[in-house]
Amino acid sequence: MVNKSGFTIVEVLVVTAIIGIMSITSIILYMDLSQKALVSAIKTDLKEASQKIKLFKVTNNAYPVTLDCGVPDSRTNLCIGFKNSYTYNYNYDNSSSNKHFGLSLASSMALLIA
């Protein structure tokens, strides 16, 4: 009688299926974690920018007109210097006695993280 050593095709298929399932699971988990990291980075940027804008208002009694880093800081401009390269929308109202501002992520990027 000949004694052959090795794996049967069924054993190889079972192991391949198990490895495939594990790979798909890890890819899904990685994508979820990277999505959460992106959202966290954006929230941090918005919170830090909001604090800088509020401090600017306390100092200058008005919100900045622009957040342009290409222009030196002045009584009307504040360079925020976001840590990521996403586009943010900024609006303000200095005309009323109840001055306020808004800062949000641009809509095209919001669709990617929603």
C-alpha atoms as a PDB file:
ATOM      1  CA  MET A   1       0.000   0.000   0.000  1.00  0.00           C
ATOM      2  CA  VAL A   2       1.276   3.456  -0.974  1.00  0.00           C
ATOM      3  CA  ASN A   3       1.111   6.076   1.768  1.00  0.00           C
ATOM      4  CA  LYS A   4       0.654   9.562   0.233  1.00  0.00           C
ATOM      5  CA  SER A   5       1.076  12.620   2.400  1.00  0.00           C
ATOM      6  CA  GLY A   6      -0.499  15.976   1.613  1.00  0.00           C
ATOM      7  CA  PHE A   7      -3.793  17.823   1.774  1.00  0.00           C
ATOM      8  CA  THR A   8      -6.977  16.946  -0.007  1.00  0.00           C
ATOM      9  CA  ILE A   9      -8.676  19.480  -2.243  1.00  0.00           C
ATOM     10  CA  VAL A  10     -11.464  19.870   0.324  1.00  0.00           C
ATOM     11  CA  GLU A  11      -8.994  20.783   3.061  1.00  0.00           C
ATOM     12  CA  VAL A  12      -7.299  23.349   0.820  1.00  0.00           C
ATOM     13  CA  LEU A  13     -10.656  24.883  -0.130  1.00  0.00           C
ATOM     14  CA  VAL A  14     -11.780  25.104   3.501  1.00  0.00           C
ATOM     15  CA  VAL A  15      -8.555  26.830   4.550  1.00  0.00           C
ATOM     16  CA  THR A  16      -8.777  29.203   1.564  1.00  0.00           C
ATOM     17  CA  ALA A  17     -12.375  30.086   2.450  1.00  0.00           C
ATOM     18  CA  ILE A  18     -11.458  30.755   6.083  1.00  0.00           C
ATOM     19  CA  ILE A  19      -8.549  33.009   5.055  1.00  0.00           C
ATOM     20  CA  GLY A  20     -10.838  34.866   2.633  1.00  0.00           C
ATOM     21  CA  ILE A  21     -13.471  35.471   5.298  1.00  0.00           C
ATOM     22  CA  MET A  22     -10.843  36.718   7.740  1.00  0.00           C
ATOM     23  CA  SER A  23      -9.391  39.057   5.094  1.00  0.00           C
ATOM     24  CA  ILE A  24     -12.778  40.552   4.234  1.00  0.00           C
ATOM     25  CA  THR A  25     -13.571  41.065   7.923  1.00  0.00           C
ATOM     26  CA  SER A  26     -10.274  42.836   8.575  1.00  0.00           C
ATOM     27  CA  ILE A  27     -10.716  45.090   5.517  1.00  0.00           C
ATOM     28  CA  ILE A  28     -14.194  46.108   6.675  1.00  0.00           C
ATOM     29  CA  LEU A  29     -12.934  46.827  10.192  1.00  0.00           C
ATOM     30  CA  TYR A  30     -10.022  48.858   8.826  1.00  0.00           C
ATOM     31  CA  MET A  31     -12.325  50.933   6.626  1.00  0.00           C
ATOM     32  CA  ASP A  32     -14.599  51.611   9.590  1.00  0.00           C
ATOM     33  CA  LEU A  33     -11.661  52.693  11.766  1.00  0.00           C
ATOM     34  CA  SER A  34     -10.231  54.962   9.079  1.00  0.00           C
ATOM     35  CA  GLN A  35     -13.676  56.547   8.624  1.00  0.00           C
ATOM     36  CA  LYS A  36     -13.912  57.187  12.369  1.00  0.00           C
ATOM     37  CA  ALA A  37     -10.414  58.697  12.376  1.00  0.00           C
ATOM     38  CA  LEU A  38     -11.381  61.042   9.536  1.00  0.00           C
ATOM     39  CA  VAL A  39     -14.507  62.201  11.351  1.00  0.00           C
ATOM     40  CA  SER A  40     -12.537  62.700  14.557  1.00  0.00           C
ATOM     41  CA  ALA A  41      -9.893  64.806  12.775  1.00  0.00           C
ATOM     42  CA  ILE A  42     -12.569  66.998  11.194  1.00  0.00           C
ATOM     43  CA  LYS A  43     -14.365  67.479  14.529  1.00  0.00           C
ATOM     44  CA  THR A  44     -11.068  68.457  16.153  1.00  0.00           C
ATOM     45  CA  ASP A  45     -10.351  70.991  13.395  1.00  0.00           C
ATOM     46  CA  LEU A  46     -13.808  72.524  13.746  1.00  0.00           C
ATOM     47  CA  LYS A  47     -13.544  72.728  17.545  1.00  0.00           C
ATOM     48  CA  GLU A  48     -10.082  74.346  17.482  1.00  0.00           C
ATOM     49  CA  ALA A  49     -11.133  76.792  14.748  1.00  0.00           C
ATOM     50  CA  SER A  50     -14.259  77.702  16.707  1.00  0.00           C
ATOM     51  CA  GLN A  51     -12.186  78.460  19.802  1.00  0.00           C
ATOM     52  CA  LYS A  52      -9.785  80.645  17.784  1.00  0.00           C
ATOM     53  CA  ILE A  53     -12.682  82.545  16.209  1.00  0.00           C
ATOM     54  CA  LYS A  54     -14.299  83.139  19.619  1.00  0.00           C
ATOM     55  CA  LEU A  55     -10.984  84.409  20.996  1.00  0.00           C
ATOM     56  CA  PHE A  56     -10.663  86.721  17.982  1.00  0.00           C
ATOM     57  CA  LYS A  57     -14.116  88.141  18.756  1.00  0.00           C
ATOM     58  CA  VAL A  58     -13.201  88.788  22.386  1.00  0.00           C
ATOM     59  CA  THR A  59     -10.034  90.569  21.292  1.00  0.00           C
ATOM     60  CA  ASN A  60     -11.506  92.559  18.366  1.00  0.00           C
ATOM     61  CA  ASN A  61     -15.184  92.851  19.358  1.00  0.00           C
ATOM     62  CA  ALA A  62     -16.160  91.342  15.989  1.00  0.00           C
ATOM     63  CA  TYR A  63     -15.761  88.077  14.139  1.00  0.00           C
ATOM     64  CA  PRO A  64     -13.100  87.889  11.411  1.00  0.00           C
ATOM     65  CA  VAL A  65     -14.228  88.718   7.893  1.00  0.00           C
ATOM     66  CA  THR A  66     -11.961  86.061   6.373  1.00  0.00           C
ATOM     67  CA  LEU A  67      -9.978  83.025   7.479  1.00  0.00           C
ATOM     68  CA  ASP A  68      -7.403  83.442   4.718  1.00  0.00           C
ATOM     69  CA  CYS A  69      -3.875  82.292   5.562  1.00  0.00           C
ATOM     70  CA  GLY A  70      -2.551  84.075   2.464  1.00  0.00           C
ATOM     71  CA  VAL A  71      -3.197  87.394   4.175  1.00  0.00           C
ATOM     72  CA  PRO A  72      -1.505  88.524   7.400  1.00  0.00           C
ATOM     73  CA  ASP A  73      -3.645  88.459  10.526  1.00  0.00           C
ATOM     74  CA  SER A  74      -5.343  91.771  11.173  1.00  0.00           C
ATOM     75  CA  ARG A  75      -8.502  93.185  12.766  1.00  0.00           C
ATOM     76  CA  THR A  76     -10.513  91.610   9.925  1.00  0.00           C
ATOM     77  CA  ASN A  77      -8.573  88.444   9.041  1.00  0.00           C
ATOM     78  CA  LEU A  78      -7.646  85.350  11.026  1.00  0.00           C
ATOM     79  CA  CYS A  79      -5.481  82.537   9.676  1.00  0.00           C
ATOM     80  CA  ILE A  80      -6.850  79.278  11.085  1.00  0.00           C
ATOM     81  CA  GLY A  81      -4.391  76.831   9.501  1.00  0.00           C
ATOM     82  CA  PHE A  82      -6.482  73.670   9.502  1.00  0.00           C
ATOM     83  CA  LYS A  83      -4.543  70.446  10.056  1.00  0.00           C
ATOM     84  CA  ASN A  84      -6.113  68.716   7.071  1.00  0.00           C
ATOM     85  CA  SER A  85      -6.705  69.856   3.505  1.00  0.00           C
ATOM     86  CA  TYR A  86     -10.507  69.821   3.492  1.00  0.00           C
ATOM     87  CA  THR A  87     -12.570  72.831   2.547  1.00  0.00           C
ATOM     88  CA  TYR A  88     -14.599  74.530   5.257  1.00  0.00           C
ATOM     89  CA  ASN A  89     -17.415  77.045   4.889  1.00  0.00           C
ATOM     90  CA  TYR A  90     -17.286  80.112   7.123  1.00  0.00           C
ATOM     91  CA  ASN A  91     -19.961  82.769   7.552  1.00  0.00           C
ATOM     92  CA  TYR A  92     -20.443  85.483  10.125  1.00  0.00           C
ATOM     93  CA  ASP A  93     -22.756  88.295  11.165  1.00  0.00           C
ATOM     94  CA  ASN A  94     -21.173  91.314  12.811  1.00  0.00           C
ATOM     95  CA  SER A  95     -24.077  93.653  12.048  1.00  0.00           C
ATOM     96  CA  SER A  96     -26.468  92.782  14.857  1.00  0.00           C
ATOM     97  CA  SER A  97     -26.075  93.146  18.592  1.00  0.00           C
ATOM     98  CA  ASN A  98     -26.153  89.340  18.766  1.00  0.00           C
ATOM     99  CA  LYS A  99     -23.075  88.640  16.639  1.00  0.00           C
ATOM    100  CA  HIS A 100     -22.606  85.047  15.490  1.00  0.00           C
ATOM    101  CA  PHE A 101     -20.645  82.846  13.092  1.00  0.00           C
ATOM    102  CA  GLY A 102     -20.938  79.482  11.388  1.00  0.00           C
ATOM    103  CA  LEU A 103     -18.222  77.031  10.424  1.00  0.00           C
ATOM    104  CA  SER A 104     -18.907  73.774   8.602  1.00  0.00           C
ATOM    105  CA  LEU A 105     -17.312  71.205   6.347  1.00  0.00           C
ATOM    106  CA  ALA A 106     -17.877  71.782   2.621  1.00  0.00           C
ATOM    107  CA  SER A 107     -20.785  69.727   1.293  1.00  0.00           C
ATOM    108  CA  SER A 108     -18.729  67.628  -1.161  1.00  0.00           C
ATOM    109  CA  MET A 109     -16.559  66.316   1.664  1.00  0.00           C
ATOM    110  CA  ALA A 110     -19.543  65.846   3.983  1.00  0.00           C
ATOM    111  CA  LEU A 111     -20.992  63.370   1.486  1.00  0.00           C
ATOM    112  CA  LEU A 112     -17.839  61.272   1.697  1.00  0.00           C
ATOM    113  CA  ILE A 113     -17.939  60.963   5.472  1.00  0.00           C
ATOM    114  CA  ALA A 114     -21.719  60.740   5.970  1.00  0.00           C
END
